[in-house]
Amino acid sequence: SSGINAEWPLRPGTSAMFSVFDRNHDGRLSMEDLRQGFQQTGVELSNEDLLDMLHQFDKDGDQALDYSELLCLIALMAKKDKLKEIFAVMDKNGNQLISRGELKKSMRLYMNSKPTEK
């Protein structure tokens, strides 16, 4: 079954991306669809990266991603981006490590920014 379902209209950016990547419009993104689609966005992925992506997100085992499987991939990418943002805020000196002092300061700022309960 194709992953195109009632969720489709609720995600216009993702549906547009899916449509562009799905060159033959069969409702599935093959490894080659993914390769060419990501290339169009300026992202070069190795065969190994593409195979890993398919292995991790191809839940029905058809060697392609349907729309719902693509949503899972995008959700994970968004979470990783958010984590990178949080890490960058906490890593005050930019050395790619969060020291004990940076962690304490970040936690103190976070705790002080939370509304107090009465």
PDB file of N, CA and C in Angstrom:
ATOM      1  N   SER A   1       0.848  -1.193   0.000  1.00  0.00           N
ATOM      2  CA  SER A   1       0.000   0.000   0.000  1.00  0.00           C
ATOM      3  C   SER A   1       0.878   1.235   0.000  1.00  0.00           C
ATOM      4  N   SER A   2       0.415   2.271  -0.650  1.00  0.00           N
ATOM      5  CA  SER A   2       1.189   3.502  -0.627  1.00  0.00           C
ATOM      6  C   SER A   2       0.934   4.186   0.695  1.00  0.00           C
ATOM      7  N   GLY A   3       1.870   5.003   1.133  1.00  0.00           N
ATOM      8  CA  GLY A   3       1.729   5.700   2.393  1.00  0.00           C
ATOM      9  C   GLY A   3       0.920   6.965   2.264  1.00  0.00           C
ATOM     10  N   ILE A   4       0.367   7.247   1.103  1.00  0.00           N
ATOM     11  CA  ILE A   4      -0.407   8.461   0.906  1.00  0.00           C
ATOM     12  C   ILE A   4      -1.772   8.231   1.522  1.00  0.00           C
ATOM     13  N   ASN A   5      -2.069   9.030   2.533  1.00  0.00           N
ATOM     14  CA  ASN A   5      -3.307   8.821   3.267  1.00  0.00           C
ATOM     15  C   ASN A   5      -3.858  10.151   3.738  1.00  0.00           C
ATOM     16  N   ALA A   6      -4.709  10.120   4.748  1.00  0.00           N
ATOM     17  CA  ALA A   6      -5.366  11.344   5.220  1.00  0.00           C
ATOM     18  C   ALA A   6      -4.373  12.359   5.775  1.00  0.00           C
ATOM     19  N   GLU A   7      -3.164  11.924   6.167  1.00  0.00           N
ATOM     20  CA  GLU A   7      -2.177  12.872   6.688  1.00  0.00           C
ATOM     21  C   GLU A   7      -1.621  13.772   5.593  1.00  0.00           C
ATOM     22  N   TRP A   8      -1.689  13.323   4.354  1.00  0.00           N
ATOM     23  CA  TRP A   8      -1.053  14.018   3.229  1.00  0.00           C
ATOM     24  C   TRP A   8      -1.351  15.513   3.205  1.00  0.00           C
ATOM     25  N   PRO A   9      -2.631  15.954   3.226  1.00  0.00           N
ATOM     26  CA  PRO A   9      -2.877  17.395   3.119  1.00  0.00           C
ATOM     27  C   PRO A   9      -2.423  18.182   4.336  1.00  0.00           C
ATOM     28  N   LEU A  10      -2.188  17.506   5.454  1.00  0.00           N
ATOM     29  CA  LEU A  10      -1.810  18.204   6.678  1.00  0.00           C
ATOM     30  C   LEU A  10      -0.342  18.617   6.692  1.00  0.00           C
ATOM     31  N   ARG A  11       0.440  18.138   5.754  1.00  0.00           N
ATOM     32  CA  ARG A  11       1.872  18.405   5.701  1.00  0.00           C
ATOM     33  C   ARG A  11       2.254  18.919   4.318  1.00  0.00           C
ATOM     34  N   PRO A  12       1.869  20.155   3.981  1.00  0.00           N
ATOM     35  CA  PRO A  12       2.105  20.613   2.606  1.00  0.00           C
ATOM     36  C   PRO A  12       3.572  20.649   2.204  1.00  0.00           C
ATOM     37  N   GLY A  13       4.471  21.031   3.089  1.00  0.00           N
ATOM     38  CA  GLY A  13       5.886  21.063   2.737  1.00  0.00           C
ATOM     39  C   GLY A  13       6.418  19.673   2.465  1.00  0.00           C
ATOM     40  N   THR A  14       6.000  18.731   3.268  1.00  0.00           N
ATOM     41  CA  THR A  14       6.460  17.358   3.105  1.00  0.00           C
ATOM     42  C   THR A  14       5.844  16.723   1.866  1.00  0.00           C
ATOM     43  N   SER A  15       4.580  17.008   1.620  1.00  0.00           N
ATOM     44  CA  SER A  15       3.953  16.415   0.435  1.00  0.00           C
ATOM     45  C   SER A  15       4.595  16.952  -0.839  1.00  0.00           C
ATOM     46  N   ALA A  16       4.969  18.226  -0.837  1.00  0.00           N
ATOM     47  CA  ALA A  16       5.661  18.785  -2.002  1.00  0.00           C
ATOM     48  C   ALA A  16       7.018  18.114  -2.185  1.00  0.00           C
ATOM     49  N   MET A  17       7.729  17.912  -1.083  1.00  0.00           N
ATOM     50  CA  MET A  17       9.032  17.239  -1.145  1.00  0.00           C
ATOM     51  C   MET A  17       8.848  15.821  -1.681  1.00  0.00           C
ATOM     52  N   PHE A  18       7.834  15.116  -1.167  1.00  0.00           N
ATOM     53  CA  PHE A  18       7.586  13.752  -1.616  1.00  0.00           C
ATOM     54  C   PHE A  18       7.303  13.734  -3.110  1.00  0.00           C
ATOM     55  N   SER A  19       6.484  14.664  -3.576  1.00  0.00           N
ATOM     56  CA  SER A  19       6.135  14.726  -5.000  1.00  0.00           C
ATOM     57  C   SER A  19       7.354  14.964  -5.875  1.00  0.00           C
ATOM     58  N   VAL A  20       8.255  15.844  -5.429  1.00  0.00           N
ATOM     59  CA  VAL A  20       9.468  16.128  -6.199  1.00  0.00           C
ATOM     60  C   VAL A  20      10.388  14.907  -6.213  1.00  0.00           C
ATOM     61  N   PHE A  21      10.541  14.254  -5.067  1.00  0.00           N
ATOM     62  CA  PHE A  21      11.415  13.090  -4.979  1.00  0.00           C
ATOM     63  C   PHE A  21      10.851  11.901  -5.757  1.00  0.00           C
ATOM     64  N   ASP A  22       9.526  11.751  -5.772  1.00  0.00           N
ATOM     65  CA  ASP A  22       8.863  10.605  -6.398  1.00  0.00           C
ATOM     66  C   ASP A  22       8.738  10.843  -7.896  1.00  0.00           C
ATOM     67  N   ARG A  23       9.824  10.609  -8.618  1.00  0.00           N
ATOM     68  CA  ARG A  23       9.917  10.964 -10.035  1.00  0.00           C
ATOM     69  C   ARG A  23       8.910  10.227 -10.915  1.00  0.00           C
ATOM     70  N   ASN A  24       8.620   8.966 -10.600  1.00  0.00           N
ATOM     71  CA  ASN A  24       7.674   8.218 -11.444  1.00  0.00           C
ATOM     72  C   ASN A  24       6.254   8.213 -10.854  1.00  0.00           C
ATOM     73  N   HIS A  25       6.051   8.921  -9.765  1.00  0.00           N
ATOM     74  CA  HIS A  25       4.729   9.110  -9.139  1.00  0.00           C
ATOM     75  C   HIS A  25       4.041   7.798  -8.779  1.00  0.00           C
ATOM     76  N   ASP A  26       4.827   6.846  -8.256  1.00  0.00           N
ATOM     77  CA  ASP A  26       4.243   5.571  -7.852  1.00  0.00           C
ATOM     78  C   ASP A  26       3.927   5.522  -6.352  1.00  0.00           C
ATOM     79  N   GLY A  27       4.156   6.645  -5.641  1.00  0.00           N
ATOM     80  CA  GLY A  27       3.862   6.682  -4.212  1.00  0.00           C
ATOM     81  C   GLY A  27       4.940   6.061  -3.351  1.00  0.00           C
ATOM     82  N   ARG A  28       6.107   5.793  -3.942  1.00  0.00           N
ATOM     83  CA  ARG A  28       7.231   5.184  -3.232  1.00  0.00           C
ATOM     84  C   ARG A  28       8.514   5.879  -3.645  1.00  0.00           C
ATOM     85  N   LEU A  29       9.417   6.049  -2.699  1.00  0.00           N
ATOM     86  CA  LEU A  29      10.718   6.645  -2.989  1.00  0.00           C
ATOM     87  C   LEU A  29      11.770   5.545  -2.970  1.00  0.00           C
ATOM     88  N   SER A  30      12.243   5.186  -4.149  1.00  0.00           N
ATOM     89  CA  SER A  30      13.305   4.188  -4.264  1.00  0.00           C
ATOM     90  C   SER A  30      14.628   4.822  -3.829  1.00  0.00           C
ATOM     91  N   MET A  31      15.645   3.998  -3.755  1.00  0.00           N
ATOM     92  CA  MET A  31      16.974   4.503  -3.405  1.00  0.00           C
ATOM     93  C   MET A  31      17.409   5.565  -4.419  1.00  0.00           C
ATOM     94  N   GLU A  32      17.136   5.338  -5.690  1.00  0.00           N
ATOM     95  CA  GLU A  32      17.520   6.307  -6.720  1.00  0.00           C
ATOM     96  C   GLU A  32      16.687   7.592  -6.607  1.00  0.00           C
ATOM     97  N   ASP A  33      15.393   7.453  -6.287  1.00  0.00           N
ATOM     98  CA  ASP A  33      14.556   8.642  -6.049  1.00  0.00           C
ATOM     99  C   ASP A  33      15.145   9.479  -4.916  1.00  0.00           C
ATOM    100  N   LEU A  34      15.520   8.799  -3.833  1.00  0.00           N
ATOM    101  CA  LEU A  34      16.087   9.500  -2.678  1.00  0.00           C
ATOM    102  C   LEU A  34      17.405  10.185  -3.051  1.00  0.00           C
ATOM    103  N   ARG A  35      18.269   9.456  -3.753  1.00  0.00           N
ATOM    104  CA  ARG A  35      19.572  10.010  -4.163  1.00  0.00           C
ATOM    105  C   ARG A  35      19.363  11.285  -4.977  1.00  0.00           C
ATOM    106  N   GLN A  36      18.538  11.195  -6.019  1.00  0.00           N
ATOM    107  CA  GLN A  36      18.342  12.348  -6.895  1.00  0.00           C
ATOM    108  C   GLN A  36      17.592  13.477  -6.194  1.00  0.00           C
ATOM    109  N   GLY A  37      16.633  13.122  -5.361  1.00  0.00           N
ATOM    110  CA  GLY A  37      15.898  14.145  -4.621  1.00  0.00           C
ATOM    111  C   GLY A  37      16.797  14.931  -3.681  1.00  0.00           C
ATOM    112  N   PHE A  38      17.614  14.209  -2.914  1.00  0.00           N
ATOM    113  CA  PHE A  38      18.534  14.900  -2.010  1.00  0.00           C
ATOM    114  C   PHE A  38      19.572  15.706  -2.787  1.00  0.00           C
ATOM    115  N   GLN A  39      20.033  15.189  -3.935  1.00  0.00           N
ATOM    116  CA  GLN A  39      20.977  15.949  -4.766  1.00  0.00           C
ATOM    117  C   GLN A  39      20.362  17.277  -5.190  1.00  0.00           C
ATOM    118  N   GLN A  40      19.077  17.277  -5.523  1.00  0.00           N
ATOM    119  CA  GLN A  40      18.396  18.514  -5.908  1.00  0.00           C
ATOM    120  C   GLN A  40      18.385  19.536  -4.774  1.00  0.00           C
ATOM    121  N   THR A  41      18.432  19.054  -3.537  1.00  0.00           N
ATOM    122  CA  THR A  41      18.459  19.972  -2.392  1.00  0.00           C
ATOM    123  C   THR A  41      19.892  20.296  -1.966  1.00  0.00           C
ATOM    124  N   GLY A  42      20.880  19.784  -2.721  1.00  0.00           N
ATOM    125  CA  GLY A  42      22.271  20.074  -2.404  1.00  0.00           C
ATOM    126  C   GLY A  42      22.904  19.110  -1.430  1.00  0.00           C
ATOM    127  N   VAL A  43      22.231  17.999  -1.134  1.00  0.00           N
ATOM    128  CA  VAL A  43      22.751  17.013  -0.186  1.00  0.00           C
ATOM    129  C   VAL A  43      23.196  15.779  -0.953  1.00  0.00           C
ATOM    130  N   GLU A  44      24.492  15.472  -0.873  1.00  0.00           N
ATOM    131  CA  GLU A  44      25.043  14.276  -1.513  1.00  0.00           C
ATOM    132  C   GLU A  44      25.120  13.162  -0.466  1.00  0.00           C
ATOM    133  N   LEU A  45      24.487  12.039  -0.764  1.00  0.00           N
ATOM    134  CA  LEU A  45      24.517  10.906   0.158  1.00  0.00           C
ATOM    135  C   LEU A  45      25.199   9.728  -0.523  1.00  0.00           C
ATOM    136  N   SER A  46      26.018   9.014   0.241  1.00  0.00           N
ATOM    137  CA  SER A  46      26.687   7.825  -0.292  1.00  0.00           C
ATOM    138  C   SER A  46      25.672   6.681  -0.389  1.00  0.00           C
ATOM    139  N   ASN A  47      26.029   5.648  -1.145  1.00  0.00           N
ATOM    140  CA  ASN A  47      25.181   4.451  -1.209  1.00  0.00           C
ATOM    141  C   ASN A  47      24.955   3.883   0.179  1.00  0.00           C
ATOM    142  N   GLU A  48      26.004   3.895   0.993  1.00  0.00           N
ATOM    143  CA  GLU A  48      25.898   3.369   2.351  1.00  0.00           C
ATOM    144  C   GLU A  48      24.884   4.171   3.163  1.00  0.00           C
ATOM    145  N   ASP A  49      24.930   5.508   3.056  1.00  0.00           N
ATOM    146  CA  ASP A  49      23.961   6.354   3.771  1.00  0.00           C
ATOM    147  C   ASP A  49      22.535   6.058   3.307  1.00  0.00           C
ATOM    148  N   LEU A  50      22.356   5.925   2.003  1.00  0.00           N
ATOM    149  CA  LEU A  50      21.026   5.653   1.460  1.00  0.00           C
ATOM    150  C   LEU A  50      20.514   4.283   1.904  1.00  0.00           C
ATOM    151  N   LEU A  51      21.392   3.282   1.879  1.00  0.00           N
ATOM    152  CA  LEU A  51      20.990   1.946   2.334  1.00  0.00           C
ATOM    153  C   LEU A  51      20.645   1.950   3.816  1.00  0.00           C
ATOM    154  N   ASP A  52      21.432   2.672   4.622  1.00  0.00           N
ATOM    155  CA  ASP A  52      21.131   2.796   6.056  1.00  0.00           C
ATOM    156  C   ASP A  52      19.768   3.449   6.265  1.00  0.00           C
ATOM    157  N   MET A  53      19.504   4.502   5.488  1.00  0.00           N
ATOM    158  CA  MET A  53      18.236   5.212   5.580  1.00  0.00           C
ATOM    159  C   MET A  53      17.075   4.269   5.255  1.00  0.00           C
ATOM    160  N   LEU A  54      17.213   3.533   4.160  1.00  0.00           N
ATOM    161  CA  LEU A  54      16.163   2.582   3.785  1.00  0.00           C
ATOM    162  C   LEU A  54      15.998   1.509   4.855  1.00  0.00           C
ATOM    163  N   HIS A  55      17.101   0.980   5.333  1.00  0.00           N
ATOM    164  CA  HIS A  55      17.037  -0.080   6.345  1.00  0.00           C
ATOM    165  C   HIS A  55      16.320   0.412   7.600  1.00  0.00           C
ATOM    166  N   GLN A  56      16.602   1.632   8.009  1.00  0.00           N
ATOM    167  CA  GLN A  56      16.029   2.161   9.245  1.00  0.00           C
ATOM    168  C   GLN A  56      14.561   2.552   9.100  1.00  0.00           C
ATOM    169  N   PHE A  57      14.160   3.084   7.949  1.00  0.00           N
ATOM    170  CA  PHE A  57      12.821   3.661   7.829  1.00  0.00           C
ATOM    171  C   PHE A  57      11.860   2.871   6.936  1.00  0.00           C
ATOM    172  N   ASP A  58      12.343   1.913   6.173  1.00  0.00           N
ATOM    173  CA  ASP A  58      11.479   1.107   5.307  1.00  0.00           C
ATOM    174  C   ASP A  58      10.820   0.018   6.141  1.00  0.00           C
ATOM    175  N   LYS A  59       9.716   0.338   6.772  1.00  0.00           N
ATOM    176  CA  LYS A  59       9.070  -0.573   7.718  1.00  0.00           C
ATOM    177  C   LYS A  59       8.376  -1.755   7.044  1.00  0.00           C
ATOM    178  N   ASP A  60       7.916  -1.585   5.803  1.00  0.00           N
ATOM    179  CA  ASP A  60       7.217  -2.687   5.138  1.00  0.00           C
ATOM    180  C   ASP A  60       8.149  -3.544   4.274  1.00  0.00           C
ATOM    181  N   GLY A  61       9.434  -3.187   4.221  1.00  0.00           N
ATOM    182  CA  GLY A  61      10.420  -4.022   3.535  1.00  0.00           C
ATOM    183  C   GLY A  61      10.349  -4.028   2.023  1.00  0.00           C
ATOM    184  N   ASP A  62       9.744  -2.995   1.413  1.00  0.00           N
ATOM    185  CA  ASP A  62       9.620  -2.973  -0.053  1.00  0.00           C
ATOM    186  C   ASP A  62      10.782  -2.254  -0.741  1.00  0.00           C
ATOM    187  N   GLN A  63      11.855  -1.974  -0.005  1.00  0.00           N
ATOM    188  CA  GLN A  63      13.057  -1.321  -0.538  1.00  0.00           C
ATOM    189  C   GLN A  63      12.780   0.091  -1.044  1.00  0.00           C
ATOM    190  N   ALA A  64      11.780   0.748  -0.459  1.00  0.00           N
ATOM    191  CA  ALA A  64      11.437   2.120  -0.816  1.00  0.00           C
ATOM    192  C   ALA A  64      10.730   2.751   0.382  1.00  0.00           C
ATOM    193  N   LEU A  65      10.665   4.076   0.391  1.00  0.00           N
ATOM    194  CA  LEU A  65       9.949   4.776   1.456  1.00  0.00           C
ATOM    195  C   LEU A  65       8.622   5.284   0.915  1.00  0.00           C
ATOM    196  N   ASP A  66       7.535   4.951   1.629  1.00  0.00           N
ATOM    197  CA  ASP A  66       6.260   5.552   1.274  1.00  0.00           C
ATOM    198  C   ASP A  66       6.125   6.845   2.078  1.00  0.00           C
ATOM    199  N   TYR A  67       5.015   7.518   1.925  1.00  0.00           N
ATOM    200  CA  TYR A  67       4.861   8.836   2.548  1.00  0.00           C
ATOM    201  C   TYR A  67       4.983   8.773   4.070  1.00  0.00           C
ATOM    202  N   SER A  68       4.336   7.800   4.695  1.00  0.00           N
ATOM    203  CA  SER A  68       4.396   7.716   6.160  1.00  0.00           C
ATOM    204  C   SER A  68       5.816   7.404   6.635  1.00  0.00           C
ATOM    205  N   GLU A  69       6.547   6.600   5.868  1.00  0.00           N
ATOM    206  CA  GLU A  69       7.938   6.300   6.229  1.00  0.00           C
ATOM    207  C   GLU A  69       8.814   7.543   6.064  1.00  0.00           C
ATOM    208  N   LEU A  70       8.528   8.357   5.036  1.00  0.00           N
ATOM    209  CA  LEU A  70       9.259   9.611   4.863  1.00  0.00           C
ATOM    210  C   LEU A  70       8.983  10.560   6.029  1.00  0.00           C
ATOM    211  N   LEU A  71       7.737  10.579   6.517  1.00  0.00           N
ATOM    212  CA  LEU A  71       7.411  11.427   7.669  1.00  0.00           C
ATOM    213  C   LEU A  71       8.257  11.041   8.886  1.00  0.00           C
ATOM    214  N   CYS A  72       8.453   9.757   9.093  1.00  0.00           N
ATOM    215  CA  CYS A  72       9.296   9.295  10.213  1.00  0.00           C
ATOM    216  C   CYS A  72      10.734   9.793  10.051  1.00  0.00           C
ATOM    217  N   LEU A  73      11.261   9.711   8.835  1.00  0.00           N
ATOM    218  CA  LEU A  73      12.615  10.195   8.544  1.00  0.00           C
ATOM    219  C   LEU A  73      12.715  11.695   8.826  1.00  0.00           C
ATOM    220  N   ILE A  74      11.747  12.462   8.353  1.00  0.00           N
ATOM    221  CA  ILE A  74      11.767  13.915   8.543  1.00  0.00           C
ATOM    222  C   ILE A  74      11.636  14.267  10.019  1.00  0.00           C
ATOM    223  N   ALA A  75      10.792  13.543  10.752  1.00  0.00           N
ATOM    224  CA  ALA A  75      10.632  13.800  12.193  1.00  0.00           C
ATOM    225  C   ALA A  75      11.954  13.586  12.918  1.00  0.00           C
ATOM    226  N   LEU A  76      12.672  12.521  12.570  1.00  0.00           N
ATOM    227  CA  LEU A  76      13.963  12.266  13.209  1.00  0.00           C
ATOM    228  C   LEU A  76      14.967  13.364  12.859  1.00  0.00           C
ATOM    229  N   MET A  77      14.974  13.792  11.611  1.00  0.00           N
ATOM    230  CA  MET A  77      15.888  14.862  11.199  1.00  0.00           C
ATOM    231  C   MET A  77      15.578  16.149  11.966  1.00  0.00           C
ATOM    232  N   ALA A  78      14.302  16.450  12.163  1.00  0.00           N
ATOM    233  CA  ALA A  78      13.909  17.659  12.898  1.00  0.00           C
ATOM    234  C   ALA A  78      14.349  17.577  14.349  1.00  0.00           C
ATOM    235  N   LYS A  79      14.204  16.396  14.953  1.00  0.00           N
ATOM    236  CA  LYS A  79      14.634  16.224  16.348  1.00  0.00           C
ATOM    237  C   LYS A  79      16.139  16.418  16.470  1.00  0.00           C
ATOM    238  N   LYS A  80      16.892  15.876  15.521  1.00  0.00           N
ATOM    239  CA  LYS A  80      18.348  16.027  15.555  1.00  0.00           C
ATOM    240  C   LYS A  80      18.733  17.495  15.409  1.00  0.00           C
ATOM    241  N   ASP A  81      18.042  18.227  14.527  1.00  0.00           N
ATOM    242  CA  ASP A  81      18.320  19.660  14.362  1.00  0.00           C
ATOM    243  C   ASP A  81      18.042  20.412  15.654  1.00  0.00           C
ATOM    244  N   LYS A  82      16.948  20.075  16.338  1.00  0.00           N
ATOM    245  CA  LYS A  82      16.596  20.744  17.596  1.00  0.00           C
ATOM    246  C   LYS A  82      17.659  20.438  18.649  1.00  0.00           C
ATOM    247  N   LEU A  83      18.115  19.198  18.697  1.00  0.00           N
ATOM    248  CA  LEU A  83      19.164  18.833  19.658  1.00  0.00           C
ATOM    249  C   LEU A  83      20.459  19.592  19.369  1.00  0.00           C
ATOM    250  N   LYS A  84      20.774  19.760  18.089  1.00  0.00           N
ATOM    251  CA  LYS A  84      21.972  20.526  17.726  1.00  0.00           C
ATOM    252  C   LYS A  84      21.851  21.968  18.197  1.00  0.00           C
ATOM    253  N   GLU A  85      20.651  22.552  18.052  1.00  0.00           N
ATOM    254  CA  GLU A  85      20.414  23.926  18.523  1.00  0.00           C
ATOM    255  C   GLU A  85      20.629  24.025  20.026  1.00  0.00           C
ATOM    256  N   ILE A  86      20.050  23.090  20.768  1.00  0.00           N
ATOM    257  CA  ILE A  86      20.169  23.091  22.228  1.00  0.00           C
ATOM    258  C   ILE A  86      21.631  22.930  22.626  1.00  0.00           C
ATOM    259  N   PHE A  87      22.335  22.008  21.968  1.00  0.00           N
ATOM    260  CA  PHE A  87      23.749  21.788  22.265  1.00  0.00           C
ATOM    261  C   PHE A  87      24.546  23.063  22.024  1.00  0.00           C
ATOM    262  N   ALA A  88      24.283  23.737  20.903  1.00  0.00           N
ATOM    263  CA  ALA A  88      25.023  24.958  20.564  1.00  0.00           C
ATOM    264  C   ALA A  88      24.802  26.045  21.613  1.00  0.00           C
ATOM    265  N   VAL A  89      23.593  26.140  22.143  1.00  0.00           N
ATOM    266  CA  VAL A  89      23.303  27.131  23.184  1.00  0.00           C
ATOM    267  C   VAL A  89      24.075  26.794  24.459  1.00  0.00           C
ATOM    268  N   MET A  90      24.149  25.523  24.793  1.00  0.00           N
ATOM    269  CA  MET A  90      24.825  25.112  26.023  1.00  0.00           C
ATOM    270  C   MET A  90      26.344  25.170  25.896  1.00  0.00           C
ATOM    271  N   ASP A  91      26.869  24.948  24.710  1.00  0.00           N
ATOM    272  CA  ASP A  91      28.319  24.932  24.468  1.00  0.00           C
ATOM    273  C   ASP A  91      28.803  26.379  24.284  1.00  0.00           C
ATOM    274  N   LYS A  92      28.931  27.079  25.386  1.00  0.00           N
ATOM    275  CA  LYS A  92      29.225  28.521  25.364  1.00  0.00           C
ATOM    276  C   LYS A  92      30.524  28.868  24.654  1.00  0.00           C
ATOM    277  N   ASN A  93      31.573  28.046  24.809  1.00  0.00           N
ATOM    278  CA  ASN A  93      32.861  28.385  24.195  1.00  0.00           C
ATOM    279  C   ASN A  93      33.060  27.756  22.814  1.00  0.00           C
ATOM    280  N   GLY A  94      32.068  26.996  22.333  1.00  0.00           N
ATOM    281  CA  GLY A  94      32.117  26.464  20.980  1.00  0.00           C
ATOM    282  C   GLY A  94      33.128  25.360  20.746  1.00  0.00           C
ATOM    283  N   ASN A  95      33.570  24.664  21.797  1.00  0.00           N
ATOM    284  CA  ASN A  95      34.584  23.615  21.625  1.00  0.00           C
ATOM    285  C   ASN A  95      33.987  22.228  21.367  1.00  0.00           C
ATOM    286  N   GLN A  96      32.678  22.158  21.105  1.00  0.00           N
ATOM    287  CA  GLN A  96      31.984  20.903  20.830  1.00  0.00           C
ATOM    288  C   GLN A  96      31.903  19.974  22.035  1.00  0.00           C
ATOM    289  N   LEU A  97      32.113  20.529  23.210  1.00  0.00           N
ATOM    290  CA  LEU A  97      31.970  19.798  24.464  1.00  0.00           C
ATOM    291  C   LEU A  97      31.164  20.655  25.427  1.00  0.00           C
ATOM    292  N   ILE A  98      30.361  20.031  26.251  1.00  0.00           N
ATOM    293  CA  ILE A  98      29.646  20.775  27.292  1.00  0.00           C
ATOM    294  C   ILE A  98      30.330  20.449  28.608  1.00  0.00           C
ATOM    295  N   SER A  99      30.994  21.452  29.155  1.00  0.00           N
ATOM    296  CA  SER A  99      31.704  21.254  30.418  1.00  0.00           C
ATOM    297  C   SER A  99      30.701  21.231  31.575  1.00  0.00           C
ATOM    298  N   ARG A 100      31.169  20.807  32.727  1.00  0.00           N
ATOM    299  CA  ARG A 100      30.327  20.797  33.918  1.00  0.00           C
ATOM    300  C   ARG A 100      29.825  22.204  34.226  1.00  0.00           C
ATOM    301  N   GLY A 101      30.698  23.187  34.064  1.00  0.00           N
ATOM    302  CA  GLY A 101      30.310  24.579  34.319  1.00  0.00           C
ATOM    303  C   GLY A 101      29.251  25.068  33.338  1.00  0.00           C
ATOM    304  N   GLU A 102      29.419  24.725  32.055  1.00  0.00           N
ATOM    305  CA  GLU A 102      28.427  25.123  31.051  1.00  0.00           C
ATOM    306  C   GLU A 102      27.077  24.450  31.326  1.00  0.00           C
ATOM    307  N   LEU A 103      27.129  23.191  31.755  1.00  0.00           N
ATOM    308  CA  LEU A 103      25.895  22.475  32.065  1.00  0.00           C
ATOM    309  C   LEU A 103      25.206  23.113  33.268  1.00  0.00           C
ATOM    310  N   LYS A 104      25.974  23.407  34.316  1.00  0.00           N
ATOM    311  CA  LYS A 104      25.397  24.046  35.503  1.00  0.00           C
ATOM    312  C   LYS A 104      24.762  25.387  35.159  1.00  0.00           C
ATOM    313  N   LYS A 105      25.491  26.198  34.384  1.00  0.00           N
ATOM    314  CA  LYS A 105      24.975  27.516  34.009  1.00  0.00           C
ATOM    315  C   LYS A 105      23.695  27.383  33.183  1.00  0.00           C
ATOM    316  N   SER A 106      23.683  26.470  32.224  1.00  0.00           N
ATOM    317  CA  SER A 106      22.503  26.260  31.391  1.00  0.00           C
ATOM    318  C   SER A 106      21.315  25.786  32.215  1.00  0.00           C
ATOM    319  N   MET A 107      21.563  24.859  33.136  1.00  0.00           N
ATOM    320  CA  MET A 107      20.481  24.352  33.977  1.00  0.00           C
ATOM    321  C   MET A 107      19.958  25.450  34.910  1.00  0.00           C
ATOM    322  N   ARG A 108      20.861  26.263  35.431  1.00  0.00           N
ATOM    323  CA  ARG A 108      20.457  27.372  36.296  1.00  0.00           C
ATOM    324  C   ARG A 108      19.580  28.358  35.523  1.00  0.00           C
ATOM    325  N   LEU A 109      19.999  28.697  34.302  1.00  0.00           N
ATOM    326  CA  LEU A 109      19.202  29.597  33.465  1.00  0.00           C
ATOM    327  C   LEU A 109      17.841  28.991  33.150  1.00  0.00           C
ATOM    328  N   TYR A 110      17.824  27.702  32.848  1.00  0.00           N
ATOM    329  CA  TYR A 110      16.566  27.022  32.537  1.00  0.00           C
ATOM    330  C   TYR A 110      15.639  27.025  33.746  1.00  0.00           C
ATOM    331  N   MET A 111      16.187  26.691  34.915  1.00  0.00           N
ATOM    332  CA  MET A 111      15.365  26.634  36.130  1.00  0.00           C
ATOM    333  C   MET A 111      14.823  28.014  36.497  1.00  0.00           C
ATOM    334  N   ASN A 112      15.638  29.049  36.281  1.00  0.00           N
ATOM    335  CA  ASN A 112      15.197  30.405  36.608  1.00  0.00           C
ATOM    336  C   ASN A 112      14.175  30.933  35.601  1.00  0.00           C
ATOM    337  N   SER A 113      14.114  30.346  34.417  1.00  0.00           N
ATOM    338  CA  SER A 113      13.178  30.828  33.397  1.00  0.00           C
ATOM    339  C   SER A 113      11.815  30.167  33.518  1.00  0.00           C
ATOM    340  N   LYS A 114      11.708  29.087  34.303  1.00  0.00           N
ATOM    341  CA  LYS A 114      10.435  28.388  34.454  1.00  0.00           C
ATOM    342  C   LYS A 114       9.512  29.171  35.380  1.00  0.00           C
ATOM    343  N   PRO A 115       8.210  29.237  35.051  1.00  0.00           N
ATOM    344  CA  PRO A 115       7.282  29.927  35.954  1.00  0.00           C
ATOM    345  C   PRO A 115       7.206  29.180  37.293  1.00  0.00           C
ATOM    346  N   THR A 116       7.111  29.933  38.344  1.00  0.00           N
ATOM    347  CA  THR A 116       7.035  29.312  39.681  1.00  0.00           C
ATOM    348  C   THR A 116       5.599  28.913  39.975  1.00  0.00           C
ATOM    349  N   GLU A 117       5.460  27.805  40.679  1.00  0.00           N
ATOM    350  CA  GLU A 117       4.129  27.320  41.059  1.00  0.00           C
ATOM    351  C   GLU A 117       3.793  27.841  42.430  1.00  0.00           C
ATOM    352  N   LYS A 118       2.533  28.190  42.643  1.00  0.00           N
ATOM    353  CA  LYS A 118       2.113  28.683  43.963  1.00  0.00           C
ATOM    354  C   LYS A 118       1.093  27.764  44.556  1.00  0.00           C
TER     355      LYS A 118
END
